[in-house]
Amino acid sequence: MTVAVIDRNDVVLRGRLSAPAEVRSLPSGDALVTFRLVVRRPEPRVRGQSVDVLTCISYDRALQRRAAAWVAGDVVEVQGALQRRFWRTPSGTASVCEVNCLRGRKVLRASAG
């Protein structure tokens, strides 16, 4: 059996956008959109966290354009893969785990309340 058959890294999230998406340029010159989704945990605990706030990114230009139109409170669904991204800082190497989104769509518009 090959590794390609064993390994699987598929993520599907549906959650509420916590703030507008931000597009920024990386030192490499690549454009990156980043946004955070608030998702409920499958089994909320009596005490403690009932939601997680997950960082999502995308290098896909079409998704970047769509995400730029999303507003805080919109419910969106994304598909992608979990990844760990590394970069250099003045104090050494830093990293973050995030969902690298290949697809995304708005499910519901935030209410005007």
PDB file of N, CA and C in Angstrom:
ATOM      1  N   MET A   1       0.850  -1.179   0.000  1.00  0.00           N
ATOM      2  CA  MET A   1       0.000   0.000   0.000  1.00  0.00           C
ATOM      3  C   MET A   1       0.892   1.239   0.000  1.00  0.00           C
ATOM      4  N   THR A   2       0.592   2.194  -0.828  1.00  0.00           N
ATOM      5  CA  THR A   2       1.408   3.406  -0.913  1.00  0.00           C
ATOM      6  C   THR A   2       0.965   4.432   0.123  1.00  0.00           C
ATOM      7  N   VAL A   3       1.852   5.363   0.409  1.00  0.00           N
ATOM      8  CA  VAL A   3       1.539   6.432   1.355  1.00  0.00           C
ATOM      9  C   VAL A   3       0.357   7.256   0.856  1.00  0.00           C
ATOM     10  N   ALA A   4       0.254   7.455  -0.453  1.00  0.00           N
ATOM     11  CA  ALA A   4      -0.841   8.239  -1.021  1.00  0.00           C
ATOM     12  C   ALA A   4      -2.196   7.620  -0.685  1.00  0.00           C
ATOM     13  N   VAL A   5      -2.265   6.324  -0.539  1.00  0.00           N
ATOM     14  CA  VAL A   5      -3.516   5.650  -0.206  1.00  0.00           C
ATOM     15  C   VAL A   5      -3.807   5.757   1.293  1.00  0.00           C
ATOM     16  N   ILE A   6      -2.764   5.726   2.105  1.00  0.00           N
ATOM     17  CA  ILE A   6      -2.939   5.752   3.563  1.00  0.00           C
ATOM     18  C   ILE A   6      -3.244   7.161   4.067  1.00  0.00           C
ATOM     19  N   ASP A   7      -2.488   8.149   3.604  1.00  0.00           N
ATOM     20  CA  ASP A   7      -2.622   9.514   4.118  1.00  0.00           C
ATOM     21  C   ASP A   7      -3.864  10.189   3.578  1.00  0.00           C
ATOM     22  N   ARG A   8      -4.480  10.999   4.448  1.00  0.00           N
ATOM     23  CA  ARG A   8      -5.623  11.796   4.022  1.00  0.00           C
ATOM     24  C   ARG A   8      -5.647  13.057   4.865  1.00  0.00           C
ATOM     25  N   ASN A   9      -5.773  14.181   4.212  1.00  0.00           N
ATOM     26  CA  ASN A   9      -5.802  15.467   4.901  1.00  0.00           C
ATOM     27  C   ASN A   9      -6.882  16.316   4.246  1.00  0.00           C
ATOM     28  N   ASP A  10      -8.112  16.042   4.591  1.00  0.00           N
ATOM     29  CA  ASP A  10      -9.268  16.774   4.067  1.00  0.00           C
ATOM     30  C   ASP A  10      -9.967  17.477   5.217  1.00  0.00           C
ATOM     31  N   VAL A  11     -10.208  18.761   5.040  1.00  0.00           N
ATOM     32  CA  VAL A  11     -10.899  19.538   6.058  1.00  0.00           C
ATOM     33  C   VAL A  11     -12.104  20.215   5.413  1.00  0.00           C
ATOM     34  N   VAL A  12     -13.260  20.089   6.060  1.00  0.00           N
ATOM     35  CA  VAL A  12     -14.455  20.827   5.661  1.00  0.00           C
ATOM     36  C   VAL A  12     -14.952  21.525   6.915  1.00  0.00           C
ATOM     37  N   LEU A  13     -15.067  22.844   6.841  1.00  0.00           N
ATOM     38  CA  LEU A  13     -15.546  23.631   7.978  1.00  0.00           C
ATOM     39  C   LEU A  13     -16.720  24.487   7.545  1.00  0.00           C
ATOM     40  N   ARG A  14     -17.690  24.615   8.417  1.00  0.00           N
ATOM     41  CA  ARG A  14     -18.761  25.596   8.227  1.00  0.00           C
ATOM     42  C   ARG A  14     -18.853  26.350   9.540  1.00  0.00           C
ATOM     43  N   GLY A  15     -18.696  27.663   9.452  1.00  0.00           N
ATOM     44  CA  GLY A  15     -18.717  28.467  10.667  1.00  0.00           C
ATOM     45  C   GLY A  15     -18.964  29.925  10.359  1.00  0.00           C
ATOM     46  N   ARG A  16     -18.955  30.709  11.426  1.00  0.00           N
ATOM     47  CA  ARG A  16     -19.226  32.140  11.338  1.00  0.00           C
ATOM     48  C   ARG A  16     -17.906  32.888  11.247  1.00  0.00           C
ATOM     49  N   LEU A  17     -17.841  33.828  10.311  1.00  0.00           N
ATOM     50  CA  LEU A  17     -16.651  34.650  10.137  1.00  0.00           C
ATOM     51  C   LEU A  17     -16.530  35.602  11.320  1.00  0.00           C
ATOM     52  N   SER A  18     -15.375  35.608  11.997  1.00  0.00           N
ATOM     53  CA  SER A  18     -15.218  36.449  13.189  1.00  0.00           C
ATOM     54  C   SER A  18     -14.903  37.901  12.857  1.00  0.00           C
ATOM     55  N   ALA A  19     -14.306  38.136  11.694  1.00  0.00           N
ATOM     56  CA  ALA A  19     -13.924  39.491  11.262  1.00  0.00           C
ATOM     57  C   ALA A  19     -13.723  39.430   9.747  1.00  0.00           C
ATOM     58  N   PRO A  20     -13.682  40.578   9.083  1.00  0.00           N
ATOM     59  CA  PRO A  20     -13.441  40.545   7.630  1.00  0.00           C
ATOM     60  C   PRO A  20     -12.100  39.893   7.299  1.00  0.00           C
ATOM     61  N   ALA A  21     -12.054  39.272   6.135  1.00  0.00           N
ATOM     62  CA  ALA A  21     -10.814  38.649   5.653  1.00  0.00           C
ATOM     63  C   ALA A  21      -9.783  39.730   5.356  1.00  0.00           C
ATOM     64  N   GLU A  22      -8.517  39.369   5.495  1.00  0.00           N
ATOM     65  CA  GLU A  22      -7.423  40.293   5.203  1.00  0.00           C
ATOM     66  C   GLU A  22      -6.527  39.685   4.126  1.00  0.00           C
ATOM     67  N   VAL A  23      -6.205  40.474   3.116  1.00  0.00           N
ATOM     68  CA  VAL A  23      -5.274  40.036   2.080  1.00  0.00           C
ATOM     69  C   VAL A  23      -3.952  40.729   2.348  1.00  0.00           C
ATOM     70  N   ARG A  24      -2.870  39.951   2.318  1.00  0.00           N
ATOM     71  CA  ARG A  24      -1.556  40.552   2.534  1.00  0.00           C
ATOM     72  C   ARG A  24      -0.536  39.891   1.621  1.00  0.00           C
ATOM     73  N   SER A  25       0.545  40.591   1.412  1.00  0.00           N
ATOM     74  CA  SER A  25       1.629  40.074   0.582  1.00  0.00           C
ATOM     75  C   SER A  25       2.700  39.479   1.472  1.00  0.00           C
ATOM     76  N   LEU A  26       3.146  38.294   1.123  1.00  0.00           N
ATOM     77  CA  LEU A  26       4.220  37.631   1.861  1.00  0.00           C
ATOM     78  C   LEU A  26       5.572  38.095   1.313  1.00  0.00           C
ATOM     79  N   PRO A  27       6.638  37.925   2.070  1.00  0.00           N
ATOM     80  CA  PRO A  27       7.965  38.312   1.577  1.00  0.00           C
ATOM     81  C   PRO A  27       8.316  37.649   0.238  1.00  0.00           C
ATOM     82  N   SER A  28       7.736  36.492  -0.035  1.00  0.00           N
ATOM     83  CA  SER A  28       7.981  35.802  -1.301  1.00  0.00           C
ATOM     84  C   SER A  28       7.299  36.491  -2.480  1.00  0.00           C
ATOM     85  N   GLY A  29       6.371  37.425  -2.172  1.00  0.00           N
ATOM     86  CA  GLY A  29       5.612  38.098  -3.220  1.00  0.00           C
ATOM     87  C   GLY A  29       4.242  37.481  -3.437  1.00  0.00           C
ATOM     88  N   ASP A  30       3.983  36.318  -2.843  1.00  0.00           N
ATOM     89  CA  ASP A  30       2.676  35.677  -2.963  1.00  0.00           C
ATOM     90  C   ASP A  30       1.637  36.446  -2.166  1.00  0.00           C
ATOM     91  N   ALA A  31       0.413  36.495  -2.692  1.00  0.00           N
ATOM     92  CA  ALA A  31      -0.710  37.083  -1.959  1.00  0.00           C
ATOM     93  C   ALA A  31      -1.360  35.980  -1.135  1.00  0.00           C
ATOM     94  N   LEU A  32      -1.786  36.336   0.059  1.00  0.00           N
ATOM     95  CA  LEU A  32      -2.395  35.391   0.986  1.00  0.00           C
ATOM     96  C   LEU A  32      -3.608  36.043   1.612  1.00  0.00           C
ATOM     97  N   VAL A  33      -4.744  35.355   1.602  1.00  0.00           N
ATOM     98  CA  VAL A  33      -5.902  35.854   2.337  1.00  0.00           C
ATOM     99  C   VAL A  33      -5.986  35.044   3.627  1.00  0.00           C
ATOM    100  N   THR A  34      -6.321  35.705   4.700  1.00  0.00           N
ATOM    101  CA  THR A  34      -6.458  35.032   5.985  1.00  0.00           C
ATOM    102  C   THR A  34      -7.756  35.481   6.642  1.00  0.00           C
ATOM    103  N   PHE A  35      -8.439  34.533   7.270  1.00  0.00           N
ATOM    104  CA  PHE A  35      -9.669  34.833   7.991  1.00  0.00           C
ATOM    105  C   PHE A  35      -9.850  33.786   9.077  1.00  0.00           C
ATOM    106  N   ARG A  36     -10.730  34.086  10.015  1.00  0.00           N
ATOM    107  CA  ARG A  36     -10.947  33.165  11.131  1.00  0.00           C
ATOM    108  C   ARG A  36     -12.409  32.755  11.177  1.00  0.00           C
ATOM    109  N   LEU A  37     -12.611  31.453  11.355  1.00  0.00           N
ATOM    110  CA  LEU A  37     -13.959  30.910  11.471  1.00  0.00           C
ATOM    111  C   LEU A  37     -14.213  30.460  12.900  1.00  0.00           C
ATOM    112  N   VAL A  38     -15.376  30.816  13.414  1.00  0.00           N
ATOM    113  CA  VAL A  38     -15.825  30.359  14.718  1.00  0.00           C
ATOM    114  C   VAL A  38     -16.710  29.139  14.466  1.00  0.00           C
ATOM    115  N   VAL A  39     -16.299  27.993  14.979  1.00  0.00           N
ATOM    116  CA  VAL A  39     -17.061  26.760  14.795  1.00  0.00           C
ATOM    117  C   VAL A  39     -17.377  26.144  16.149  1.00  0.00           C
ATOM    118  N   ARG A  40     -18.603  25.629  16.261  1.00  0.00           N
ATOM    119  CA  ARG A  40     -19.000  24.958  17.506  1.00  0.00           C
ATOM    120  C   ARG A  40     -18.316  23.604  17.598  1.00  0.00           C
ATOM    121  N   ARG A  41     -17.972  23.225  18.800  1.00  0.00           N
ATOM    122  CA  ARG A  41     -17.423  21.889  19.026  1.00  0.00           C
ATOM    123  C   ARG A  41     -18.567  20.877  18.932  1.00  0.00           C
ATOM    124  N   PRO A  42     -18.260  19.668  18.462  1.00  0.00           N
ATOM    125  CA  PRO A  42     -19.325  18.681  18.277  1.00  0.00           C
ATOM    126  C   PRO A  42     -20.080  18.350  19.562  1.00  0.00           C
ATOM    127  N   GLU A  43     -19.381  18.292  20.675  1.00  0.00           N
ATOM    128  CA  GLU A  43     -20.025  17.984  21.950  1.00  0.00           C
ATOM    129  C   GLU A  43     -19.650  19.059  22.958  1.00  0.00           C
ATOM    130  N   PRO A  44     -20.461  20.126  23.041  1.00  0.00           N
ATOM    131  CA  PRO A  44     -20.115  21.195  23.993  1.00  0.00           C
ATOM    132  C   PRO A  44     -20.041  20.657  25.414  1.00  0.00           C
ATOM    133  N   ARG A  45     -19.088  21.154  26.152  1.00  0.00           N
ATOM    134  CA  ARG A  45     -18.926  20.750  27.540  1.00  0.00           C
ATOM    135  C   ARG A  45     -19.770  21.650  28.429  1.00  0.00           C
ATOM    136  N   VAL A  46     -20.104  21.145  29.595  1.00  0.00           N
ATOM    137  CA  VAL A  46     -20.859  21.951  30.552  1.00  0.00           C
ATOM    138  C   VAL A  46     -20.057  23.189  30.914  1.00  0.00           C
ATOM    139  N   ARG A  47     -18.767  22.994  31.135  1.00  0.00           N
ATOM    140  CA  ARG A  47     -17.869  24.113  31.391  1.00  0.00           C
ATOM    141  C   ARG A  47     -16.791  24.127  30.327  1.00  0.00           C
ATOM    142  N   GLY A  48     -16.231  25.279  30.121  1.00  0.00           N
ATOM    143  CA  GLY A  48     -15.131  25.362  29.167  1.00  0.00           C
ATOM    144  C   GLY A  48     -15.586  25.798  27.788  1.00  0.00           C
ATOM    145  N   GLN A  49     -14.728  25.581  26.843  1.00  0.00           N
ATOM    146  CA  GLN A  49     -14.944  26.049  25.484  1.00  0.00           C
ATOM    147  C   GLN A  49     -16.058  25.272  24.785  1.00  0.00           C
ATOM    148  N   SER A  50     -16.965  25.994  24.137  1.00  0.00           N
ATOM    149  CA  SER A  50     -17.987  25.355  23.311  1.00  0.00           C
ATOM    150  C   SER A  50     -17.740  25.629  21.833  1.00  0.00           C
ATOM    151  N   VAL A  51     -16.769  26.531  21.539  1.00  0.00           N
ATOM    152  CA  VAL A  51     -16.415  26.852  20.152  1.00  0.00           C
ATOM    153  C   VAL A  51     -14.904  26.884  20.006  1.00  0.00           C
ATOM    154  N   ASP A  52     -14.465  26.773  18.761  1.00  0.00           N
ATOM    155  CA  ASP A  52     -13.060  26.981  18.424  1.00  0.00           C
ATOM    156  C   ASP A  52     -13.001  28.072  17.372  1.00  0.00           C
ATOM    157  N   VAL A  53     -11.943  28.873  17.395  1.00  0.00           N
ATOM    158  CA  VAL A  53     -11.701  29.881  16.369  1.00  0.00           C
ATOM    159  C   VAL A  53     -10.503  29.386  15.565  1.00  0.00           C
ATOM    160  N   LEU A  54     -10.756  29.074  14.291  1.00  0.00           N
ATOM    161  CA  LEU A  54      -9.739  28.445  13.454  1.00  0.00           C
ATOM    162  C   LEU A  54      -9.281  29.401  12.362  1.00  0.00           C
ATOM    163  N   THR A  55      -7.979  29.500  12.201  1.00  0.00           N
ATOM    164  CA  THR A  55      -7.410  30.361  11.164  1.00  0.00           C
ATOM    165  C   THR A  55      -7.427  29.627   9.836  1.00  0.00           C
ATOM    166  N   CYS A  56      -7.943  30.311   8.825  1.00  0.00           N
ATOM    167  CA  CYS A  56      -8.003  29.776   7.465  1.00  0.00           C
ATOM    168  C   CYS A  56      -7.229  30.715   6.552  1.00  0.00           C
ATOM    169  N   ILE A  57      -6.579  30.136   5.551  1.00  0.00           N
ATOM    170  CA  ILE A  57      -5.840  30.926   4.574  1.00  0.00           C
ATOM    171  C   ILE A  57      -6.156  30.414   3.180  1.00  0.00           C
ATOM    172  N   SER A  58      -5.811  31.212   2.178  1.00  0.00           N
ATOM    173  CA  SER A  58      -5.881  30.717   0.810  1.00  0.00           C
ATOM    174  C   SER A  58      -4.936  31.517  -0.076  1.00  0.00           C
ATOM    175  N   TYR A  59      -4.293  30.797  -0.974  1.00  0.00           N
ATOM    176  CA  TYR A  59      -3.468  31.416  -2.008  1.00  0.00           C
ATOM    177  C   TYR A  59      -4.256  31.541  -3.307  1.00  0.00           C
ATOM    178  N   ASP A  60      -5.446  30.947  -3.348  1.00  0.00           N
ATOM    179  CA  ASP A  60      -6.274  30.934  -4.550  1.00  0.00           C
ATOM    180  C   ASP A  60      -6.884  32.318  -4.795  1.00  0.00           C
ATOM    181  N   ARG A  61      -6.582  32.903  -5.940  1.00  0.00           N
ATOM    182  CA  ARG A  61      -7.026  34.284  -6.219  1.00  0.00           C
ATOM    183  C   ARG A  61      -8.538  34.409  -6.280  1.00  0.00           C
ATOM    184  N   ALA A  62      -9.221  33.430  -6.862  1.00  0.00           N
ATOM    185  CA  ALA A  62     -10.687  33.492  -6.944  1.00  0.00           C
ATOM    186  C   ALA A  62     -11.294  33.458  -5.541  1.00  0.00           C
ATOM    187  N   LEU A  63     -10.777  32.604  -4.677  1.00  0.00           N
ATOM    188  CA  LEU A  63     -11.271  32.545  -3.307  1.00  0.00           C
ATOM    189  C   LEU A  63     -10.917  33.822  -2.553  1.00  0.00           C
ATOM    190  N   GLN A  64      -9.766  34.395  -2.833  1.00  0.00           N
ATOM    191  CA  GLN A  64      -9.393  35.660  -2.189  1.00  0.00           C
ATOM    192  C   GLN A  64     -10.401  36.753  -2.534  1.00  0.00           C
ATOM    193  N   ARG A  65     -10.827  36.806  -3.804  1.00  0.00           N
ATOM    194  CA  ARG A  65     -11.820  37.822  -4.210  1.00  0.00           C
ATOM    195  C   ARG A  65     -13.153  37.598  -3.511  1.00  0.00           C
ATOM    196  N   ARG A  66     -13.588  36.333  -3.437  1.00  0.00           N
ATOM    197  CA  ARG A  66     -14.858  36.047  -2.758  1.00  0.00           C
ATOM    198  C   ARG A  66     -14.775  36.387  -1.274  1.00  0.00           C
ATOM    199  N   ALA A  67     -13.683  35.988  -0.646  1.00  0.00           N
ATOM    200  CA  ALA A  67     -13.526  36.222   0.795  1.00  0.00           C
ATOM    201  C   ALA A  67     -13.483  37.708   1.124  1.00  0.00           C
ATOM    202  N   ALA A  68     -12.972  38.521   0.217  1.00  0.00           N
ATOM    203  CA  ALA A  68     -12.903  39.970   0.452  1.00  0.00           C
ATOM    204  C   ALA A  68     -14.301  40.574   0.579  1.00  0.00           C
ATOM    205  N   ALA A  69     -15.317  39.915   0.029  1.00  0.00           N
ATOM    206  CA  ALA A  69     -16.691  40.425   0.106  1.00  0.00           C
ATOM    207  C   ALA A  69     -17.436  39.919   1.343  1.00  0.00           C
ATOM    208  N   TRP A  70     -16.867  38.959   2.050  1.00  0.00           N
ATOM    209  CA  TRP A  70     -17.517  38.441   3.246  1.00  0.00           C
ATOM    210  C   TRP A  70     -17.385  39.438   4.391  1.00  0.00           C
ATOM    211  N   VAL A  71     -18.404  39.467   5.269  1.00  0.00           N
ATOM    212  CA  VAL A  71     -18.380  40.362   6.427  1.00  0.00           C
ATOM    213  C   VAL A  71     -18.478  39.536   7.702  1.00  0.00           C
ATOM    214  N   ALA A  72     -18.072  40.143   8.796  1.00  0.00           N
ATOM    215  CA  ALA A  72     -18.150  39.461  10.088  1.00  0.00           C
ATOM    216  C   ALA A  72     -19.573  38.990  10.331  1.00  0.00           C
ATOM    217  N   GLY A  73     -19.705  37.760  10.769  1.00  0.00           N
ATOM    218  CA  GLY A  73     -21.015  37.181  11.028  1.00  0.00           C
ATOM    219  C   GLY A  73     -21.534  36.317   9.892  1.00  0.00           C
ATOM    220  N   ASP A  74     -20.984  36.471   8.688  1.00  0.00           N
ATOM    221  CA  ASP A  74     -21.384  35.602   7.577  1.00  0.00           C
ATOM    222  C   ASP A  74     -21.049  34.156   7.942  1.00  0.00           C
ATOM    223  N   VAL A  75     -21.931  33.256   7.551  1.00  0.00           N
ATOM    224  CA  VAL A  75     -21.647  31.836   7.703  1.00  0.00           C
ATOM    225  C   VAL A  75     -21.071  31.360   6.383  1.00  0.00           C
ATOM    226  N   VAL A  76     -19.871  30.781   6.450  1.00  0.00           N
ATOM    227  CA  VAL A  76     -19.189  30.320   5.244  1.00  0.00           C
ATOM    228  C   VAL A  76     -18.778  28.864   5.420  1.00  0.00           C
ATOM    229  N   GLU A  77     -18.617  28.207   4.290  1.00  0.00           N
ATOM    230  CA  GLU A  77     -18.132  26.830   4.279  1.00  0.00           C
ATOM    231  C   GLU A  77     -16.877  26.787   3.437  1.00  0.00           C
ATOM    232  N   VAL A  78     -15.839  26.145   3.966  1.00  0.00           N
ATOM    233  CA  VAL A  78     -14.572  26.038   3.248  1.00  0.00           C
ATOM    234  C   VAL A  78     -14.137  24.581   3.198  1.00  0.00           C
ATOM    235  N   GLN A  79     -13.339  24.283   2.171  1.00  0.00           N
ATOM    236  CA  GLN A  79     -12.746  22.959   2.014  1.00  0.00           C
ATOM    237  C   GLN A  79     -11.260  23.155   1.756  1.00  0.00           C
ATOM    238  N   GLY A  80     -10.461  22.318   2.377  1.00  0.00           N
ATOM    239  CA  GLY A  80      -9.025  22.430   2.186  1.00  0.00           C
ATOM    240  C   GLY A  80      -8.290  21.365   2.957  1.00  0.00           C
ATOM    241  N   ALA A  81      -7.111  21.713   3.448  1.00  0.00           N
ATOM    242  CA  ALA A  81      -6.265  20.779   4.179  1.00  0.00           C
ATOM    243  C   ALA A  81      -5.575  21.509   5.326  1.00  0.00           C
ATOM    244  N   LEU A  82      -5.340  20.785   6.396  1.00  0.00           N
ATOM    245  CA  LEU A  82      -4.606  21.342   7.529  1.00  0.00           C
ATOM    246  C   LEU A  82      -3.127  21.371   7.160  1.00  0.00           C
ATOM    247  N   GLN A  83      -2.478  22.500   7.444  1.00  0.00           N
ATOM    248  CA  GLN A  83      -1.050  22.610   7.138  1.00  0.00           C
ATOM    249  C   GLN A  83      -0.350  23.402   8.214  1.00  0.00           C
ATOM    250  N   ARG A  84       0.941  23.211   8.291  1.00  0.00           N
ATOM    251  CA  ARG A  84       1.785  23.996   9.183  1.00  0.00           C
ATOM    252  C   ARG A  84       2.689  24.837   8.297  1.00  0.00           C
ATOM    253  N   ARG A  85       2.642  26.149   8.498  1.00  0.00           N
ATOM    254  CA  ARG A  85       3.430  27.083   7.690  1.00  0.00           C
ATOM    255  C   ARG A  85       4.558  27.641   8.549  1.00  0.00           C
ATOM    256  N   PHE A  86       5.754  27.739   7.978  1.00  0.00           N
ATOM    257  CA  PHE A  86       6.949  28.228   8.683  1.00  0.00           C
ATOM    258  C   PHE A  86       7.435  29.518   8.045  1.00  0.00           C
ATOM    259  N   TRP A  87       8.038  30.397   8.845  1.00  0.00           N
ATOM    260  CA  TRP A  87       8.686  31.601   8.339  1.00  0.00           C
ATOM    261  C   TRP A  87       9.754  32.031   9.331  1.00  0.00           C
ATOM    262  N   ARG A  88      10.658  32.869   8.840  1.00  0.00           N
ATOM    263  CA  ARG A  88      11.762  33.349   9.688  1.00  0.00           C
ATOM    264  C   ARG A  88      11.360  34.657  10.359  1.00  0.00           C
ATOM    265  N   THR A  89      11.783  34.794  11.606  1.00  0.00           N
ATOM    266  CA  THR A  89      11.596  36.032  12.362  1.00  0.00           C
ATOM    267  C   THR A  89      12.960  36.450  12.888  1.00  0.00           C
ATOM    268  N   PRO A  90      13.087  37.668  13.396  1.00  0.00           N
ATOM    269  CA  PRO A  90      14.378  38.080  13.968  1.00  0.00           C
ATOM    270  C   PRO A  90      14.854  37.178  15.110  1.00  0.00           C
ATOM    271  N   SER A  91      13.901  36.538  15.814  1.00  0.00           N
ATOM    272  CA  SER A  91      14.290  35.677  16.934  1.00  0.00           C
ATOM    273  C   SER A  91      14.347  34.200  16.571  1.00  0.00           C
ATOM    274  N   GLY A  92      14.143  33.855  15.296  1.00  0.00           N
ATOM    275  CA  GLY A  92      14.219  32.453  14.885  1.00  0.00           C
ATOM    276  C   GLY A  92      13.066  32.068  13.976  1.00  0.00           C
ATOM    277  N   THR A  93      12.829  30.780  13.882  1.00  0.00           N
ATOM    278  CA  THR A  93      11.758  30.272  13.035  1.00  0.00           C
ATOM    279  C   THR A  93      10.447  30.243  13.803  1.00  0.00           C
ATOM    280  N   ALA A  94       9.368  30.654  13.131  1.00  0.00           N
ATOM    281  CA  ALA A  94       8.029  30.609  13.718  1.00  0.00           C
ATOM    282  C   ALA A  94       7.160  29.731  12.826  1.00  0.00           C
ATOM    283  N   SER A  95       6.074  29.218  13.398  1.00  0.00           N
ATOM    284  CA  SER A  95       5.169  28.397  12.608  1.00  0.00           C
ATOM    285  C   SER A  95       3.755  28.532  13.149  1.00  0.00           C
ATOM    286  N   VAL A  96       2.809  28.145  12.308  1.00  0.00           N
ATOM    287  CA  VAL A  96       1.406  28.183  12.697  1.00  0.00           C
ATOM    288  C   VAL A  96       0.679  27.068  11.958  1.00  0.00           C
ATOM    289  N   CYS A  97      -0.307  26.463  12.595  1.00  0.00           N
ATOM    290  CA  CYS A  97      -1.184  25.495  11.928  1.00  0.00           C
ATOM    291  C   CYS A  97      -2.433  26.234  11.473  1.00  0.00           C
ATOM    292  N   GLU A  98      -2.841  25.982  10.244  1.00  0.00           N
ATOM    293  CA  GLU A  98      -4.005  26.658   9.685  1.00  0.00           C
ATOM    294  C   GLU A  98      -4.619  25.791   8.604  1.00  0.00           C
ATOM    295  N   VAL A  99      -5.836  26.134   8.211  1.00  0.00           N
ATOM    296  CA  VAL A  99      -6.508  25.415   7.142  1.00  0.00           C
ATOM    297  C   VAL A  99      -6.222  26.145   5.836  1.00  0.00           C
ATOM    298  N   ASN A 100      -5.553  25.460   4.906  1.00  0.00           N
ATOM    299  CA  ASN A 100      -5.271  26.023   3.592  1.00  0.00           C
ATOM    300  C   ASN A 100      -6.479  25.695   2.710  1.00  0.00           C
ATOM    301  N   CYS A 101      -7.293  26.706   2.428  1.00  0.00           N
ATOM    302  CA  CYS A 101      -8.564  26.511   1.740  1.00  0.00           C
ATOM    303  C   CYS A 101      -8.398  26.548   0.233  1.00  0.00           C
ATOM    304  N   LEU A 102      -8.983  25.561  -0.426  1.00  0.00           N
ATOM    305  CA  LEU A 102      -8.990  25.485  -1.876  1.00  0.00           C
ATOM    306  C   LEU A 102     -10.331  25.944  -2.436  1.00  0.00           C
ATOM    307  N   ARG A 103     -11.387  25.801  -1.619  1.00  0.00           N
ATOM    308  CA  ARG A 103     -12.729  26.219  -2.017  1.00  0.00           C
ATOM    309  C   ARG A 103     -13.386  26.922  -0.843  1.00  0.00           C
ATOM    310  N   GLY A 104     -14.313  27.801  -1.143  1.00  0.00           N
ATOM    311  CA  GLY A 104     -15.052  28.474  -0.091  1.00  0.00           C
ATOM    312  C   GLY A 104     -16.263  29.168  -0.659  1.00  0.00           C
ATOM    313  N   ARG A 105     -17.332  29.195   0.133  1.00  0.00           N
ATOM    314  CA  ARG A 105     -18.549  29.875  -0.310  1.00  0.00           C
ATOM    315  C   ARG A 105     -19.301  30.395   0.909  1.00  0.00           C
ATOM    316  N   LYS A 106     -20.051  31.454   0.685  1.00  0.00           N
ATOM    317  CA  LYS A 106     -20.895  31.995   1.736  1.00  0.00           C
ATOM    318  C   LYS A 106     -22.165  31.176   1.773  1.00  0.00           C
ATOM    319  N   VAL A 107     -22.592  30.789   2.979  1.00  0.00           N
ATOM    320  CA  VAL A 107     -23.824  30.015   3.156  1.00  0.00           C
ATOM    321  C   VAL A 107     -24.957  30.960   3.545  1.00  0.00           C
ATOM    322  N   LEU A 108     -24.707  31.830   4.518  1.00  0.00           N
ATOM    323  CA  LEU A 108     -25.704  32.785   4.979  1.00  0.00           C
ATOM    324  C   LEU A 108     -25.074  34.146   5.191  1.00  0.00           C
ATOM    325  N   ARG A 109     -25.830  35.190   4.917  1.00  0.00           N
ATOM    326  CA  ARG A 109     -25.384  36.564   5.135  1.00  0.00           C
ATOM    327  C   ARG A 109     -25.624  36.928   6.592  1.00  0.00           C
ATOM    328  N   ALA A 110     -24.733  37.691   7.189  1.00  0.00           N
ATOM    329  CA  ALA A 110     -24.909  38.174   8.557  1.00  0.00           C
ATOM    330  C   ALA A 110     -26.149  39.046   8.610  1.00  0.00           C
ATOM    331  N   SER A 111     -26.897  38.943   9.707  1.00  0.00           N
ATOM    332  CA  SER A 111     -28.104  39.776   9.858  1.00  0.00           C
ATOM    333  C   SER A 111     -27.696  41.215  10.111  1.00  0.00           C
ATOM    334  N   ALA A 112     -28.559  42.143   9.751  1.00  0.00           N
ATOM    335  CA  ALA A 112     -28.246  43.570   9.881  1.00  0.00           C
ATOM    336  C   ALA A 112     -28.593  44.089  11.254  1.00  0.00           C
ATOM    337  N   GLY A 113     -28.656  43.227  12.260  1.00  0.00           N
ATOM    338  CA  GLY A 113     -29.044  43.633  13.612  1.00  0.00           C
ATOM    339  C   GLY A 113     -27.874  44.016  14.371  1.00  0.00           C
TER     340      GLY A 113
END
